[in-house]
Amino acid sequence: APLYLGGLTSVFTTMPYHDTHFTLEEARSLLPELSHKFHRVQELVASLRQRELEMQRIQQLIRSNGQGSKHPDFGVVISEIQEIVASITEQGIEIKDLERGLIDFPHWRNGQEVYLCWLFGEDDIHFWHSIEEGFAGRTPL
């Protein structure tokens, strides 16, 4: 039934959550580029972890002998990760888990706004889920 608002009668439809929506074909066409980007993210995260271990060793040295030491520079690596994230999200793609490479493409399915769901390493987009359910609600296409 229409909603009555002080003399104004209006039927409200649910506003979409996203401005950009992908067809299955559009999303699939981006997978090679996304695979490359998430492979690079995994390399960068591994590098950060190694640098974090180096930093812990340096901190132990500083505490034990009072000597200062050059610490690893995280900035360059973090900047590259930020650039990759921006290049993905600026397209309207949602990153749900950066390290795993879990992303969602906003999509219209049978008149309902849902996500096409892809995980780095999967050969294709095989699943979708409602906006509310998330990864646990992945349903085969």
Foldseek 3Di string as FASTA:
>chain_A
DWDDDPNDTDRDDDDDPFPDADDQVRVQVCVVVLLVLLVVLLVLVVVVVVLVVVVVVQVVVCVVPVDHDDGDDNVVSVVSNVVSVCVQVVNVKAQPDSNQSWIWGFHADPNATWTQIDTRPDPGRQWIAHPPPPPVRTDGD
